[in-house]
Amino acid sequence: QQQQQQQQQQQDDSMRTLQLMTSAKLGPRFKAFIERQRSLGIDFGPSFTGLALSLGGTNTMPMGTLKTGNDWKETALKIAQIASTRRVREIVVGLPLENDGTEGKIGRLVRHFVQILADATLLVLGPGIPVYVWDERFSTAYAAVRLLTTPKLGAETFKSWIDGQRGLSYTAK
């Protein structure tokens, strides 16, 4: 019995050594990948709210749209749930300012929604996830230029893709 215990101990030790060697090889790169600054971008609108996920750097992946509806609290809670399942570190909401930098009617609506979203995020995710606003002046013009210069992606193709994203499942991982 003592001999069996020694053999089991040796197997456990060799397994620990193998695990340490593997984590030493993959550890820093894998950890850097996992710990990326994930951001969730929000484009709030009265009818639909667009979502995009950044995995760090400049690469951003569109996630689709949510129907906003009349109950903005429900939309904010859905966004907080999405942020939770995607391990988001921050949420950025586009603020549509006027060309002169002032805040118009839509800008005030977005600020109101941002407050609701910040409360929902605090409730669902805790105090560690900040919600920022970002000046989105000229972002549509920039996106249009990018679309026109991107090969094999015309406006109709993009519109049909966006329309297909409207039924976003916010619980999918």
N, C-alpha and C. Protein backbone atom coordinates (compact mmCIF):
# COMPACT_ATOMS: atom_id res chain seq x y z
N GLN A 1 0.83 -1.19 0.00
CA GLN A 1 0.00 0.00 0.00
C GLN A 1 0.88 1.26 0.00
N GLN A 2 1.95 1.22 0.77
CA GLN A 2 2.87 2.36 0.80
C GLN A 2 3.53 2.55 -0.56
N GLN A 3 3.84 1.46 -1.23
CA GLN A 3 4.45 1.54 -2.55
C GLN A 3 3.46 2.15 -3.55
N GLN A 4 2.19 1.79 -3.46
CA GLN A 4 1.16 2.37 -4.34
C GLN A 4 1.03 3.88 -4.10
N GLN A 5 1.09 4.28 -2.84
CA GLN A 5 1.01 5.71 -2.51
C GLN A 5 2.20 6.47 -3.09
N GLN A 6 3.41 5.88 -3.04
CA GLN A 6 4.59 6.51 -3.61
C GLN A 6 4.47 6.64 -5.13
N GLN A 7 3.96 5.61 -5.78
CA GLN A 7 3.76 5.66 -7.23
C GLN A 7 2.74 6.74 -7.60
N GLN A 8 1.67 6.79 -6.83
CA GLN A 8 0.65 7.81 -7.08
C GLN A 8 1.23 9.21 -6.88
N GLN A 9 2.06 9.38 -5.85
CA GLN A 9 2.70 10.66 -5.58
C GLN A 9 3.62 11.06 -6.73
N GLN A 10 4.39 10.08 -7.27
CA GLN A 10 5.28 10.36 -8.39
C GLN A 10 4.48 10.76 -9.63
N GLN A 11 3.36 10.09 -9.88
CA GLN A 11 2.52 10.44 -11.02
C GLN A 11 1.95 11.85 -10.86
N ASP A 12 1.50 12.16 -9.65
CA ASP A 12 0.96 13.50 -9.38
C ASP A 12 2.04 14.56 -9.59
N ASP A 13 3.26 14.28 -9.11
CA ASP A 13 4.37 15.23 -9.27
C ASP A 13 4.71 15.43 -10.74
N SER A 14 4.76 14.35 -11.50
CA SER A 14 5.09 14.48 -12.92
C SER A 14 3.98 15.22 -13.67
N MET A 15 2.73 15.02 -13.26
CA MET A 15 1.62 15.74 -13.87
C MET A 15 1.72 17.24 -13.56
N ARG A 16 2.05 17.59 -12.32
CA ARG A 16 2.22 19.00 -11.95
C ARG A 16 3.35 19.64 -12.75
N THR A 17 4.45 18.89 -12.92
CA THR A 17 5.58 19.40 -13.70
C THR A 17 5.16 19.65 -15.14
N LEU A 18 4.41 18.73 -15.72
CA LEU A 18 3.93 18.89 -17.09
C LEU A 18 3.01 20.12 -17.20
N GLN A 19 2.14 20.29 -16.22
CA GLN A 19 1.25 21.44 -16.24
C GLN A 19 2.04 22.75 -16.13
N LEU A 20 3.04 22.78 -15.27
CA LEU A 20 3.85 23.98 -15.11
C LEU A 20 4.63 24.28 -16.39
N MET A 21 5.18 23.25 -17.03
CA MET A 21 5.92 23.46 -18.27
C MET A 21 5.00 23.99 -19.36
N THR A 22 3.80 23.43 -19.46
CA THR A 22 2.85 23.88 -20.47
C THR A 22 2.42 25.31 -20.21
N SER A 23 2.10 25.64 -18.97
CA SER A 23 1.67 27.00 -18.68
C SER A 23 2.82 27.99 -18.83
N ALA A 24 4.06 27.53 -18.62
CA ALA A 24 5.20 28.42 -18.82
C ALA A 24 5.37 28.75 -20.30
N LYS A 25 5.09 27.77 -21.18
CA LYS A 25 5.21 28.00 -22.61
C LYS A 25 4.07 28.89 -23.12
N LEU A 26 2.84 28.56 -22.76
CA LEU A 26 1.68 29.25 -23.29
C LEU A 26 1.18 30.37 -22.39
N GLY A 27 1.60 30.36 -21.17
CA GLY A 27 1.06 31.28 -20.18
C GLY A 27 1.03 32.74 -20.55
N PRO A 28 2.17 33.39 -20.79
CA PRO A 28 2.16 34.83 -21.03
C PRO A 28 1.36 35.23 -22.26
N ARG A 29 1.49 34.46 -23.36
CA ARG A 29 0.74 34.80 -24.57
C ARG A 29 -0.76 34.59 -24.36
N PHE A 30 -1.09 33.45 -23.77
CA PHE A 30 -2.50 33.15 -23.54
C PHE A 30 -3.10 34.16 -22.56
N LYS A 31 -2.37 34.48 -21.53
CA LYS A 31 -2.85 35.44 -20.54
C LYS A 31 -3.05 36.82 -21.19
N ALA A 32 -2.12 37.22 -22.06
CA ALA A 32 -2.25 38.50 -22.75
C ALA A 32 -3.50 38.50 -23.63
N PHE A 33 -3.79 37.36 -24.26
CA PHE A 33 -4.99 37.27 -25.09
C PHE A 33 -6.25 37.37 -24.24
N ILE A 34 -6.27 36.67 -23.12
CA ILE A 34 -7.45 36.67 -22.24
C ILE A 34 -7.65 38.04 -21.61
N GLU A 35 -6.56 38.71 -21.23
CA GLU A 35 -6.65 39.96 -20.50
C GLU A 35 -6.77 41.19 -21.40
N ARG A 36 -7.02 41.01 -22.68
CA ARG A 36 -7.17 42.16 -23.58
C ARG A 36 -8.26 43.10 -23.07
N GLN A 37 -8.12 44.35 -23.41
CA GLN A 37 -9.09 45.35 -23.01
C GLN A 37 -10.30 45.25 -23.94
N ARG A 38 -11.27 44.44 -23.57
CA ARG A 38 -12.47 44.29 -24.38
C ARG A 38 -13.40 45.46 -24.12
N SER A 39 -13.87 46.06 -25.20
CA SER A 39 -14.80 47.18 -25.10
C SER A 39 -16.06 46.86 -25.88
N LEU A 40 -17.18 47.28 -25.36
CA LEU A 40 -18.45 47.13 -26.04
C LEU A 40 -18.89 48.51 -26.51
N GLY A 41 -19.01 48.67 -27.82
CA GLY A 41 -19.44 49.94 -28.39
C GLY A 41 -20.94 49.94 -28.59
N ILE A 42 -21.58 51.04 -28.21
CA ILE A 42 -23.04 51.15 -28.30
C ILE A 42 -23.38 52.36 -29.17
N ASP A 43 -24.25 52.13 -30.15
CA ASP A 43 -24.79 53.22 -30.97
C ASP A 43 -26.29 53.26 -30.68
N PHE A 44 -26.67 54.10 -29.73
CA PHE A 44 -28.06 54.14 -29.26
C PHE A 44 -28.93 54.91 -30.23
N GLY A 45 -30.10 54.36 -30.49
CA GLY A 45 -31.10 55.04 -31.30
C GLY A 45 -32.49 54.73 -30.77
N PRO A 46 -33.47 55.59 -31.05
CA PRO A 46 -34.82 55.38 -30.52
C PRO A 46 -35.47 54.09 -31.01
N SER A 47 -35.11 53.61 -32.21
CA SER A 47 -35.71 52.39 -32.74
C SER A 47 -34.81 51.17 -32.53
N PHE A 48 -33.53 51.31 -32.88
CA PHE A 48 -32.58 50.21 -32.75
C PHE A 48 -31.30 50.72 -32.10
N THR A 49 -30.65 49.81 -31.36
CA THR A 49 -29.38 50.12 -30.73
C THR A 49 -28.33 49.17 -31.31
N GLY A 50 -27.29 49.73 -31.91
CA GLY A 50 -26.23 48.92 -32.50
C GLY A 50 -25.17 48.58 -31.49
N LEU A 51 -24.60 47.38 -31.65
CA LEU A 51 -23.56 46.89 -30.74
C LEU A 51 -22.35 46.43 -31.53
N ALA A 52 -21.17 46.72 -31.00
CA ALA A 52 -19.91 46.24 -31.60
C ALA A 52 -18.95 45.89 -30.47
N LEU A 53 -18.14 44.87 -30.70
CA LEU A 53 -17.20 44.40 -29.69
C LEU A 53 -15.78 44.61 -30.19
N SER A 54 -14.97 45.26 -29.37
CA SER A 54 -13.55 45.44 -29.67
C SER A 54 -12.76 44.50 -28.78
N LEU A 55 -11.85 43.76 -29.39
CA LEU A 55 -11.02 42.82 -28.63
C LEU A 55 -9.67 43.42 -28.30
N GLY A 56 -9.61 44.72 -28.29
CA GLY A 56 -8.36 45.41 -28.04
C GLY A 56 -7.78 45.89 -29.36
N GLY A 57 -7.10 46.99 -29.33
CA GLY A 57 -6.56 47.53 -30.57
C GLY A 57 -7.65 48.18 -31.40
N THR A 58 -7.48 48.13 -32.72
CA THR A 58 -8.45 48.79 -33.60
C THR A 58 -9.43 47.83 -34.24
N ASN A 59 -9.27 46.55 -34.03
CA ASN A 59 -10.19 45.58 -34.63
C ASN A 59 -11.49 45.55 -33.85
N THR A 60 -12.57 45.80 -34.56
CA THR A 60 -13.89 45.80 -33.95
C THR A 60 -14.80 44.89 -34.75
N MET A 61 -15.63 44.15 -34.03
CA MET A 61 -16.52 43.19 -34.66
C MET A 61 -17.97 43.61 -34.40
N PRO A 62 -18.75 43.87 -35.46
CA PRO A 62 -20.15 44.22 -35.24
C PRO A 62 -20.90 43.03 -34.67
N MET A 63 -21.75 43.29 -33.69
CA MET A 63 -22.51 42.23 -33.05
C MET A 63 -23.98 42.25 -33.44
N GLY A 64 -24.43 43.31 -34.08
CA GLY A 64 -25.82 43.39 -34.49
C GLY A 64 -26.54 44.51 -33.79
N THR A 65 -27.86 44.43 -33.79
CA THR A 65 -28.68 45.48 -33.20
C THR A 65 -29.71 44.88 -32.26
N LEU A 66 -30.15 45.68 -31.33
CA LEU A 66 -31.26 45.35 -30.43
C LEU A 66 -32.40 46.32 -30.72
N LYS A 67 -33.63 45.84 -30.67
CA LYS A 67 -34.77 46.73 -30.79
C LYS A 67 -34.86 47.51 -29.48
N THR A 68 -34.84 48.84 -29.59
CA THR A 68 -34.81 49.67 -28.39
C THR A 68 -36.16 49.67 -27.68
N GLY A 69 -37.22 49.93 -28.40
CA GLY A 69 -38.54 49.92 -27.79
C GLY A 69 -38.75 51.09 -26.85
N ASN A 70 -39.83 51.04 -26.09
CA ASN A 70 -40.19 52.12 -25.18
C ASN A 70 -39.52 52.00 -23.82
N ASP A 71 -39.17 50.77 -23.43
CA ASP A 71 -38.58 50.56 -22.11
C ASP A 71 -37.05 50.54 -22.22
N TRP A 72 -36.43 51.68 -22.01
CA TRP A 72 -34.98 51.78 -22.14
C TRP A 72 -34.26 51.02 -21.04
N LYS A 73 -34.92 50.82 -19.89
CA LYS A 73 -34.29 50.04 -18.82
C LYS A 73 -34.07 48.60 -19.25
N GLU A 74 -35.05 48.04 -19.97
CA GLU A 74 -34.92 46.68 -20.47
C GLU A 74 -33.76 46.58 -21.47
N THR A 75 -33.65 47.56 -22.35
CA THR A 75 -32.54 47.58 -23.31
C THR A 75 -31.20 47.67 -22.57
N ALA A 76 -31.14 48.52 -21.56
CA ALA A 76 -29.90 48.68 -20.79
C ALA A 76 -29.53 47.37 -20.08
N LEU A 77 -30.51 46.67 -19.54
CA LEU A 77 -30.24 45.40 -18.87
C LEU A 77 -29.76 44.35 -19.86
N LYS A 78 -30.32 44.33 -21.07
CA LYS A 78 -29.85 43.40 -22.10
C LYS A 78 -28.39 43.68 -22.45
N ILE A 79 -28.06 44.96 -22.57
CA ILE A 79 -26.68 45.33 -22.90
C ILE A 79 -25.74 44.92 -21.76
N ALA A 80 -26.16 45.10 -20.52
CA ALA A 80 -25.33 44.68 -19.39
C ALA A 80 -25.14 43.17 -19.39
N GLN A 81 -26.17 42.42 -19.78
CA GLN A 81 -26.04 40.96 -19.86
C GLN A 81 -25.06 40.57 -20.96
N ILE A 82 -25.13 41.26 -22.09
CA ILE A 82 -24.19 40.99 -23.18
C ILE A 82 -22.76 41.29 -22.71
N ALA A 83 -22.59 42.41 -22.02
CA ALA A 83 -21.26 42.77 -21.51
C ALA A 83 -20.74 41.70 -20.55
N SER A 84 -21.63 41.13 -19.78
CA SER A 84 -21.24 40.09 -18.84
C SER A 84 -20.78 38.82 -19.56
N THR A 85 -21.54 38.38 -20.56
CA THR A 85 -21.18 37.14 -21.26
C THR A 85 -19.95 37.31 -22.13
N ARG A 86 -19.64 38.53 -22.56
CA ARG A 86 -18.49 38.77 -23.42
C ARG A 86 -17.26 39.22 -22.63
N ARG A 87 -17.33 39.25 -21.33
CA ARG A 87 -16.21 39.66 -20.46
C ARG A 87 -15.68 41.04 -20.84
N VAL A 88 -16.58 41.97 -20.97
CA VAL A 88 -16.24 43.34 -21.38
C VAL A 88 -15.63 44.09 -20.20
N ARG A 89 -14.62 44.91 -20.47
CA ARG A 89 -13.96 45.71 -19.44
C ARG A 89 -14.46 47.15 -19.40
N GLU A 90 -15.08 47.62 -20.50
CA GLU A 90 -15.63 48.96 -20.53
C GLU A 90 -16.71 49.03 -21.61
N ILE A 91 -17.62 49.98 -21.43
CA ILE A 91 -18.69 50.20 -22.40
C ILE A 91 -18.55 51.64 -22.90
N VAL A 92 -18.61 51.80 -24.22
CA VAL A 92 -18.47 53.11 -24.84
C VAL A 92 -19.72 53.39 -25.65
N VAL A 93 -20.38 54.50 -25.35
CA VAL A 93 -21.60 54.88 -26.04
C VAL A 93 -21.30 56.11 -26.90
N GLY A 94 -21.69 56.03 -28.18
CA GLY A 94 -21.48 57.16 -29.09
C GLY A 94 -22.43 58.31 -28.76
N LEU A 95 -21.86 59.50 -28.64
CA LEU A 95 -22.65 60.69 -28.33
C LEU A 95 -22.74 61.56 -29.57
N PRO A 96 -23.94 61.67 -30.16
CA PRO A 96 -24.08 62.45 -31.40
C PRO A 96 -24.17 63.94 -31.11
N LEU A 97 -23.04 64.61 -31.20
CA LEU A 97 -23.01 66.06 -31.00
C LEU A 97 -23.29 66.76 -32.33
N GLU A 98 -23.70 68.00 -32.25
CA GLU A 98 -23.89 68.81 -33.45
C GLU A 98 -22.52 69.15 -34.04
N ASN A 99 -22.50 69.65 -35.28
CA ASN A 99 -21.22 69.98 -35.92
C ASN A 99 -20.41 71.01 -35.15
N ASP A 100 -21.11 71.90 -34.44
CA ASP A 100 -20.39 72.92 -33.66
C ASP A 100 -19.99 72.43 -32.27
N GLY A 101 -20.28 71.18 -31.95
CA GLY A 101 -19.89 70.60 -30.66
C GLY A 101 -20.93 70.70 -29.57
N THR A 102 -22.07 71.33 -29.86
CA THR A 102 -23.13 71.43 -28.85
C THR A 102 -23.96 70.15 -28.84
N GLU A 103 -24.69 69.98 -27.76
CA GLU A 103 -25.51 68.79 -27.59
C GLU A 103 -26.94 69.11 -28.02
N GLY A 104 -27.44 68.41 -29.03
CA GLY A 104 -28.80 68.62 -29.50
C GLY A 104 -29.79 67.73 -28.77
N LYS A 105 -30.98 67.64 -29.35
CA LYS A 105 -32.05 66.85 -28.75
C LYS A 105 -31.67 65.37 -28.65
N ILE A 106 -31.12 64.83 -29.72
CA ILE A 106 -30.74 63.41 -29.70
C ILE A 106 -29.58 63.18 -28.73
N GLY A 107 -28.66 64.12 -28.64
CA GLY A 107 -27.56 64.01 -27.69
C GLY A 107 -28.06 63.94 -26.26
N ARG A 108 -29.08 64.74 -25.94
CA ARG A 108 -29.66 64.70 -24.59
C ARG A 108 -30.34 63.36 -24.32
N LEU A 109 -31.02 62.80 -25.35
CA LEU A 109 -31.64 61.47 -25.19
C LEU A 109 -30.57 60.41 -24.94
N VAL A 110 -29.47 60.50 -25.66
CA VAL A 110 -28.39 59.53 -25.48
C VAL A 110 -27.79 59.66 -24.09
N ARG A 111 -27.59 60.88 -23.61
CA ARG A 111 -27.06 61.07 -22.25
C ARG A 111 -28.00 60.46 -21.21
N HIS A 112 -29.31 60.62 -21.42
CA HIS A 112 -30.29 60.02 -20.50
C HIS A 112 -30.16 58.49 -20.52
N PHE A 113 -30.04 57.92 -21.72
CA PHE A 113 -29.87 56.47 -21.82
C PHE A 113 -28.56 56.01 -21.19
N VAL A 114 -27.51 56.79 -21.35
CA VAL A 114 -26.21 56.43 -20.75
C VAL A 114 -26.33 56.34 -19.24
N GLN A 115 -27.10 57.23 -18.63
CA GLN A 115 -27.29 57.17 -17.17
C GLN A 115 -28.03 55.89 -16.78
N ILE A 116 -29.05 55.53 -17.56
CA ILE A 116 -29.79 54.28 -17.29
C ILE A 116 -28.85 53.08 -17.48
N LEU A 117 -28.03 53.12 -18.54
CA LEU A 117 -27.10 52.03 -18.80
C LEU A 117 -26.05 51.92 -17.70
N ALA A 118 -25.56 53.05 -17.22
CA ALA A 118 -24.57 53.03 -16.13
C ALA A 118 -25.17 52.40 -14.88
N ASP A 119 -26.42 52.73 -14.58
CA ASP A 119 -27.09 52.13 -13.42
C ASP A 119 -27.27 50.63 -13.60
N ALA A 120 -27.69 50.20 -14.81
CA ALA A 120 -27.89 48.78 -15.08
C ALA A 120 -26.56 48.03 -15.01
N THR A 121 -25.50 48.64 -15.53
CA THR A 121 -24.17 48.02 -15.50
C THR A 121 -23.69 47.86 -14.06
N LEU A 122 -23.90 48.87 -13.26
CA LEU A 122 -23.53 48.79 -11.84
C LEU A 122 -24.30 47.68 -11.15
N LEU A 123 -25.57 47.55 -11.47
CA LEU A 123 -26.42 46.53 -10.86
C LEU A 123 -26.00 45.12 -11.28
N VAL A 124 -25.74 44.91 -12.58
CA VAL A 124 -25.45 43.58 -13.09
C VAL A 124 -23.98 43.20 -12.95
N LEU A 125 -23.08 44.13 -13.24
CA LEU A 125 -21.65 43.80 -13.30
C LEU A 125 -20.83 44.33 -12.14
N GLY A 126 -21.38 45.22 -11.35
CA GLY A 126 -20.63 45.78 -10.24
C GLY A 126 -19.91 47.06 -10.65
N PRO A 127 -19.12 47.62 -9.74
CA PRO A 127 -18.50 48.93 -9.97
C PRO A 127 -17.27 48.92 -10.88
N GLY A 128 -16.81 47.77 -11.33
CA GLY A 128 -15.56 47.71 -12.08
C GLY A 128 -15.66 47.98 -13.57
N ILE A 129 -16.86 48.17 -14.11
CA ILE A 129 -17.03 48.36 -15.55
C ILE A 129 -17.50 49.79 -15.82
N PRO A 130 -16.62 50.66 -16.32
CA PRO A 130 -17.02 52.04 -16.58
C PRO A 130 -17.84 52.16 -17.87
N VAL A 131 -18.70 53.18 -17.91
CA VAL A 131 -19.47 53.50 -19.10
C VAL A 131 -19.04 54.90 -19.54
N TYR A 132 -18.51 54.99 -20.77
CA TYR A 132 -18.02 56.26 -21.31
C TYR A 132 -18.92 56.74 -22.44
N VAL A 133 -18.89 58.04 -22.70
CA VAL A 133 -19.49 58.58 -23.92
C VAL A 133 -18.36 59.03 -24.83
N TRP A 134 -18.59 58.91 -26.14
CA TRP A 134 -17.57 59.23 -27.13
C TRP A 134 -18.20 60.09 -28.22
N ASP A 135 -17.54 61.19 -28.53
CA ASP A 135 -18.00 62.08 -29.58
C ASP A 135 -17.98 61.34 -30.91
N GLU A 136 -19.16 61.17 -31.52
CA GLU A 136 -19.22 60.41 -32.76
C GLU A 136 -19.49 61.29 -33.98
N ARG A 137 -19.17 62.57 -33.87
CA ARG A 137 -19.31 63.42 -35.05
C ARG A 137 -18.48 62.87 -36.20
N PHE A 138 -19.03 62.89 -37.37
CA PHE A 138 -18.37 62.48 -38.62
C PHE A 138 -18.07 60.99 -38.69
N SER A 139 -18.55 60.19 -37.73
CA SER A 139 -18.26 58.75 -37.78
C SER A 139 -19.01 58.08 -38.93
N THR A 140 -20.21 58.54 -39.27
CA THR A 140 -20.95 57.96 -40.38
C THR A 140 -20.24 58.23 -41.70
N ALA A 141 -19.74 59.45 -41.87
CA ALA A 141 -19.00 59.78 -43.10
C ALA A 141 -17.74 58.94 -43.19
N TYR A 142 -17.05 58.75 -42.07
CA TYR A 142 -15.83 57.93 -42.06
C TYR A 142 -16.17 56.48 -42.43
N ALA A 143 -17.27 55.95 -41.85
CA ALA A 143 -17.67 54.57 -42.15
C ALA A 143 -18.06 54.43 -43.62
N ALA A 144 -18.73 55.43 -44.18
CA ALA A 144 -19.12 55.38 -45.59
C ALA A 144 -17.89 55.34 -46.49
N VAL A 145 -16.89 56.13 -46.19
CA VAL A 145 -15.66 56.13 -46.98
C VAL A 145 -14.98 54.77 -46.87
N ARG A 146 -14.94 54.21 -45.67
CA ARG A 146 -14.33 52.88 -45.49
C ARG A 146 -15.08 51.83 -46.29
N LEU A 147 -16.43 51.92 -46.30
CA LEU A 147 -17.22 50.95 -47.06
C LEU A 147 -16.96 51.06 -48.56
N LEU A 148 -16.86 52.29 -49.04
CA LEU A 148 -16.64 52.49 -50.47
C LEU A 148 -15.27 52.01 -50.90
N THR A 149 -14.29 52.09 -50.01
CA THR A 149 -12.94 51.68 -50.37
C THR A 149 -12.67 50.20 -50.07
N THR A 150 -13.62 49.53 -49.43
CA THR A 150 -13.47 48.10 -49.14
C THR A 150 -13.93 47.30 -50.35
N PRO A 151 -13.09 46.44 -50.89
CA PRO A 151 -13.50 45.67 -52.06
C PRO A 151 -14.60 44.67 -51.73
N LYS A 152 -15.47 44.44 -52.71
CA LYS A 152 -16.52 43.40 -52.64
C LYS A 152 -17.55 43.64 -51.55
N LEU A 153 -17.73 44.85 -51.11
CA LEU A 153 -18.79 45.12 -50.12
C LEU A 153 -19.49 46.41 -50.51
N GLY A 154 -20.59 46.25 -51.22
CA GLY A 154 -21.36 47.41 -51.64
C GLY A 154 -22.36 47.81 -50.58
N ALA A 155 -23.02 48.92 -50.80
CA ALA A 155 -23.98 49.44 -49.83
C ALA A 155 -25.15 48.48 -49.63
N GLU A 156 -25.64 47.88 -50.71
CA GLU A 156 -26.77 46.94 -50.60
C GLU A 156 -26.39 45.71 -49.79
N THR A 157 -25.20 45.20 -50.02
CA THR A 157 -24.73 44.04 -49.26
C THR A 157 -24.63 44.38 -47.78
N PHE A 158 -24.09 45.54 -47.48
CA PHE A 158 -23.95 45.96 -46.09
C PHE A 158 -25.32 46.13 -45.43
N LYS A 159 -26.26 46.77 -46.15
CA LYS A 159 -27.60 46.99 -45.61
C LYS A 159 -28.30 45.66 -45.34
N SER A 160 -28.17 44.70 -46.25
CA SER A 160 -28.81 43.41 -46.03
C SER A 160 -28.17 42.68 -44.86
N TRP A 161 -26.85 42.84 -44.69
CA TRP A 161 -26.18 42.22 -43.55
C TRP A 161 -26.67 42.83 -42.24
N ILE A 162 -26.79 44.17 -42.21
CA ILE A 162 -27.28 44.85 -41.01
C ILE A 162 -28.70 44.40 -40.70
N ASP A 163 -29.55 44.32 -41.73
CA ASP A 163 -30.93 43.87 -41.51
C ASP A 163 -30.97 42.47 -40.94
N GLY A 164 -30.03 41.62 -41.34
CA GLY A 164 -29.97 40.26 -40.83
C GLY A 164 -29.50 40.18 -39.40
N GLN A 165 -28.85 41.23 -38.90
CA GLN A 165 -28.33 41.23 -37.53
C GLN A 165 -29.36 41.72 -36.51
N ARG A 166 -30.53 42.13 -36.95
CA ARG A 166 -31.48 42.76 -36.05
C ARG A 166 -32.03 41.82 -34.99
N GLY A 167 -31.99 40.53 -35.20
CA GLY A 167 -32.52 39.60 -34.21
C GLY A 167 -31.45 39.09 -33.28
N LEU A 168 -30.61 39.94 -32.79
CA LEU A 168 -29.45 39.56 -31.98
C LEU A 168 -29.85 38.80 -30.72
N SER A 169 -29.18 37.69 -30.48
CA SER A 169 -29.39 36.93 -29.26
C SER A 169 -28.38 37.42 -28.23
N TYR A 170 -28.85 38.01 -27.15
CA TYR A 170 -27.93 38.59 -26.18
C TYR A 170 -27.47 37.60 -25.13
N THR A 171 -27.97 36.37 -25.19
CA THR A 171 -27.52 35.38 -24.22
C THR A 171 -26.50 34.42 -24.82
N ALA A 172 -26.27 34.51 -26.13
CA ALA A 172 -25.31 33.62 -26.77
C ALA A 172 -23.89 33.98 -26.35
N LYS A 173 -23.03 32.96 -26.26
CA LYS A 173 -21.65 33.22 -25.85
C LYS A 173 -20.72 33.17 -27.01
